[in-house]
Amino acid sequence: MEIKRDIHLRKLIGSKHNGMIKVVTGMRRCGKSYLLFNIFCQHLKEEGIEDDHIIKVDLENRRNKALRDPDASYLTKYNM
């Protein structure tokens, strides 16, 4: 059984081109990652976005541990 999360998906879609960073919050195991990694990703693919243009970063994965440090992952136009 899949819970669609249509309300949250519509909010993401409605604000995806506003230039702002989106933050999805909620209690543990409520479906935040599923919403982004599966449902929203499928929407992007249906819109014609190629797989190699979709970036997914799982901060729970130990390979991405360095990205958990905001100072280490901070990028500006001056240090890119």
N, C-alpha and C. Protein backbone atom coordinates (compact mmCIF):
# COMPACT_ATOMS: atom_id res chain seq x y z
N MET A 1 0.84 -1.18 0.00
CA MET A 1 0.00 0.00 0.00
C MET A 1 0.88 1.24 0.00
N GLU A 2 0.58 2.16 -0.88
CA GLU A 2 1.34 3.41 -0.96
C GLU A 2 0.44 4.57 -0.55
N ILE A 3 0.95 5.40 0.35
CA ILE A 3 0.25 6.63 0.73
C ILE A 3 0.77 7.72 -0.20
N LYS A 4 -0.10 8.33 -0.97
CA LYS A 4 0.30 9.25 -2.03
C LYS A 4 0.88 10.57 -1.53
N ARG A 5 0.41 11.12 -0.42
CA ARG A 5 0.89 12.40 0.10
C ARG A 5 0.66 13.53 -0.90
N ASP A 6 -0.52 13.54 -1.50
CA ASP A 6 -0.85 14.52 -2.55
C ASP A 6 -0.73 15.97 -2.08
N ILE A 7 -1.15 16.25 -0.86
CA ILE A 7 -1.09 17.64 -0.36
C ILE A 7 0.35 18.13 -0.34
N HIS A 8 1.25 17.31 0.19
CA HIS A 8 2.66 17.70 0.29
C HIS A 8 3.31 17.76 -1.09
N LEU A 9 2.95 16.83 -1.96
CA LEU A 9 3.49 16.84 -3.32
C LEU A 9 3.06 18.11 -4.06
N ARG A 10 1.79 18.50 -3.94
CA ARG A 10 1.31 19.72 -4.60
C ARG A 10 2.04 20.95 -4.09
N LYS A 11 2.35 20.98 -2.78
CA LYS A 11 3.09 22.12 -2.23
C LYS A 11 4.50 22.18 -2.81
N LEU A 12 5.16 21.03 -2.94
CA LEU A 12 6.50 20.99 -3.54
C LEU A 12 6.46 21.43 -5.00
N ILE A 13 5.51 20.90 -5.73
CA ILE A 13 5.40 21.23 -7.16
C ILE A 13 5.09 22.71 -7.33
N GLY A 14 4.21 23.24 -6.51
CA GLY A 14 3.80 24.63 -6.62
C GLY A 14 4.91 25.63 -6.31
N SER A 15 5.91 25.19 -5.58
CA SER A 15 6.97 26.12 -5.19
C SER A 15 8.34 25.73 -5.74
N LYS A 16 8.37 24.84 -6.71
CA LYS A 16 9.68 24.33 -7.15
C LYS A 16 10.50 25.33 -7.97
N HIS A 17 9.90 26.36 -8.50
CA HIS A 17 10.66 27.34 -9.29
C HIS A 17 10.72 28.72 -8.63
N ASN A 18 10.57 28.77 -7.31
CA ASN A 18 10.55 30.07 -6.65
C ASN A 18 11.93 30.51 -6.14
N GLY A 19 12.97 29.73 -6.41
CA GLY A 19 14.33 30.10 -6.02
C GLY A 19 14.66 29.86 -4.56
N MET A 20 13.74 29.29 -3.82
CA MET A 20 13.96 29.05 -2.39
C MET A 20 14.31 27.58 -2.15
N ILE A 21 15.10 27.35 -1.11
CA ILE A 21 15.40 25.99 -0.68
C ILE A 21 14.19 25.44 0.04
N LYS A 22 13.85 24.21 -0.23
CA LYS A 22 12.72 23.57 0.43
C LYS A 22 13.22 22.73 1.59
N VAL A 23 12.55 22.83 2.72
CA VAL A 23 12.87 22.02 3.89
C VAL A 23 11.64 21.21 4.24
N VAL A 24 11.78 19.90 4.24
CA VAL A 24 10.68 19.02 4.58
C VAL A 24 10.96 18.49 5.98
N THR A 25 10.07 18.78 6.91
CA THR A 25 10.26 18.37 8.30
C THR A 25 9.12 17.47 8.74
N GLY A 26 9.37 16.76 9.80
CA GLY A 26 8.33 15.90 10.37
C GLY A 26 8.96 14.91 11.32
N MET A 27 8.11 14.20 12.04
CA MET A 27 8.62 13.22 12.98
C MET A 27 9.26 12.04 12.24
N ARG A 28 10.03 11.27 12.96
CA ARG A 28 10.72 10.12 12.37
C ARG A 28 9.74 9.18 11.70
N ARG A 29 10.16 8.65 10.54
CA ARG A 29 9.44 7.60 9.83
C ARG A 29 8.02 8.00 9.40
N CYS A 30 7.84 9.29 9.08
CA CYS A 30 6.51 9.72 8.64
C CYS A 30 6.41 9.80 7.11
N GLY A 31 7.54 9.57 6.40
CA GLY A 31 7.49 9.53 4.94
C GLY A 31 8.17 10.69 4.24
N LYS A 32 9.01 11.44 4.93
CA LYS A 32 9.71 12.57 4.30
C LYS A 32 10.61 12.10 3.17
N SER A 33 11.45 11.13 3.46
CA SER A 33 12.38 10.62 2.44
C SER A 33 11.62 9.96 1.30
N TYR A 34 10.57 9.23 1.62
CA TYR A 34 9.77 8.58 0.58
C TYR A 34 9.15 9.63 -0.33
N LEU A 35 8.65 10.71 0.26
CA LEU A 35 8.06 11.79 -0.53
C LEU A 35 9.07 12.35 -1.52
N LEU A 36 10.28 12.61 -1.06
CA LEU A 36 11.29 13.23 -1.92
C LEU A 36 11.94 12.23 -2.87
N PHE A 37 12.40 11.10 -2.35
CA PHE A 37 13.17 10.14 -3.16
C PHE A 37 12.31 9.33 -4.11
N ASN A 38 11.04 9.18 -3.82
CA ASN A 38 10.19 8.36 -4.68
C ASN A 38 9.11 9.18 -5.38
N ILE A 39 8.24 9.80 -4.61
CA ILE A 39 7.08 10.47 -5.20
C ILE A 39 7.49 11.71 -5.99
N PHE A 40 8.27 12.61 -5.37
CA PHE A 40 8.67 13.83 -6.08
C PHE A 40 9.63 13.50 -7.22
N CYS A 41 10.50 12.54 -7.01
CA CYS A 41 11.42 12.11 -8.07
C CYS A 41 10.64 11.58 -9.27
N GLN A 42 9.59 10.80 -9.02
CA GLN A 42 8.76 10.30 -10.12
C GLN A 42 8.08 11.45 -10.85
N HIS A 43 7.63 12.45 -10.11
CA HIS A 43 7.03 13.64 -10.74
C HIS A 43 8.04 14.32 -11.67
N LEU A 44 9.27 14.49 -11.20
CA LEU A 44 10.30 15.12 -12.03
C LEU A 44 10.53 14.33 -13.32
N LYS A 45 10.59 13.01 -13.20
CA LYS A 45 10.79 12.17 -14.38
C LYS A 45 9.62 12.30 -15.36
N GLU A 46 8.40 12.37 -14.81
CA GLU A 46 7.22 12.55 -15.67
C GLU A 46 7.23 13.91 -16.36
N GLU A 47 7.90 14.88 -15.76
CA GLU A 47 8.03 16.22 -16.36
C GLU A 47 9.15 16.26 -17.40
N GLY A 48 9.85 15.15 -17.59
CA GLY A 48 10.89 15.07 -18.60
C GLY A 48 12.30 15.29 -18.09
N ILE A 49 12.48 15.37 -16.78
CA ILE A 49 13.81 15.53 -16.21
C ILE A 49 14.54 14.19 -16.29
N GLU A 50 15.75 14.21 -16.84
CA GLU A 50 16.54 12.99 -16.97
C GLU A 50 17.10 12.57 -15.60
N ASP A 51 17.31 11.26 -15.44
CA ASP A 51 17.84 10.73 -14.18
C ASP A 51 19.16 11.38 -13.78
N ASP A 52 20.02 11.67 -14.76
CA ASP A 52 21.33 12.23 -14.42
C ASP A 52 21.26 13.71 -14.05
N HIS A 53 20.05 14.29 -14.04
CA HIS A 53 19.85 15.66 -13.59
C HIS A 53 19.14 15.73 -12.23
N ILE A 54 18.91 14.57 -11.63
CA ILE A 54 18.25 14.49 -10.33
C ILE A 54 19.29 14.04 -9.31
N ILE A 55 19.52 14.86 -8.31
CA ILE A 55 20.51 14.55 -7.29
C ILE A 55 19.80 14.12 -6.02
N LYS A 56 20.17 12.95 -5.53
CA LYS A 56 19.61 12.43 -4.28
C LYS A 56 20.76 12.25 -3.30
N VAL A 57 20.63 12.82 -2.11
CA VAL A 57 21.67 12.69 -1.09
C VAL A 57 21.02 12.17 0.18
N ASP A 58 21.41 10.99 0.59
CA ASP A 58 20.91 10.39 1.82
C ASP A 58 21.91 10.69 2.93
N LEU A 59 21.55 11.58 3.83
CA LEU A 59 22.47 11.97 4.90
C LEU A 59 22.61 10.90 5.98
N GLU A 60 21.79 9.87 5.93
CA GLU A 60 21.93 8.75 6.86
C GLU A 60 23.03 7.78 6.38
N ASN A 61 23.37 7.84 5.10
CA ASN A 61 24.39 6.97 4.54
C ASN A 61 25.77 7.45 5.01
N ARG A 62 26.57 6.54 5.53
CA ARG A 62 27.87 6.91 6.09
C ARG A 62 28.80 7.51 5.03
N ARG A 63 28.60 7.17 3.76
CA ARG A 63 29.43 7.76 2.70
C ARG A 63 29.21 9.26 2.58
N ASN A 64 28.08 9.74 3.05
CA ASN A 64 27.76 11.17 2.97
C ASN A 64 27.96 11.88 4.31
N LYS A 65 28.68 11.26 5.20
CA LYS A 65 28.86 11.80 6.55
C LYS A 65 29.42 13.23 6.54
N ALA A 66 30.35 13.51 5.65
CA ALA A 66 30.96 14.85 5.60
C ALA A 66 29.93 15.93 5.27
N LEU A 67 28.86 15.56 4.57
CA LEU A 67 27.85 16.54 4.19
C LEU A 67 26.97 16.96 5.37
N ARG A 68 27.06 16.22 6.47
CA ARG A 68 26.27 16.58 7.66
C ARG A 68 26.83 17.82 8.35
N ASP A 69 28.08 18.15 8.09
CA ASP A 69 28.72 19.32 8.67
C ASP A 69 28.39 20.52 7.79
N PRO A 70 27.57 21.47 8.28
CA PRO A 70 27.17 22.59 7.44
C PRO A 70 28.36 23.43 6.97
N ASP A 71 29.41 23.53 7.76
CA ASP A 71 30.57 24.31 7.33
C ASP A 71 31.31 23.62 6.19
N ALA A 72 31.34 22.30 6.21
CA ALA A 72 32.04 21.56 5.16
C ALA A 72 31.27 21.58 3.85
N SER A 73 29.96 21.64 3.92
CA SER A 73 29.16 21.58 2.70
C SER A 73 28.67 22.94 2.24
N TYR A 74 29.06 24.00 2.91
CA TYR A 74 28.63 25.35 2.55
C TYR A 74 29.28 25.79 1.25
N LEU A 75 28.47 26.18 0.30
CA LEU A 75 28.98 26.64 -1.00
C LEU A 75 28.47 28.04 -1.28
N THR A 76 29.32 28.85 -1.77
CA THR A 76 28.91 30.16 -2.27
C THR A 76 29.44 30.30 -3.68
N LYS A 77 29.06 31.35 -4.34
CA LYS A 77 29.58 31.56 -5.70
C LYS A 77 31.07 31.86 -5.68
N TYR A 78 31.61 32.19 -4.50
CA TYR A 78 33.02 32.53 -4.39
C TYR A 78 33.92 31.32 -4.13
N ASN A 79 33.36 30.24 -3.56
CA ASN A 79 34.23 29.09 -3.26
C ASN A 79 33.82 27.84 -4.02
N MET A 80 33.07 27.98 -5.08
CA MET A 80 32.67 26.83 -5.90
C MET A 80 33.75 26.48 -6.89
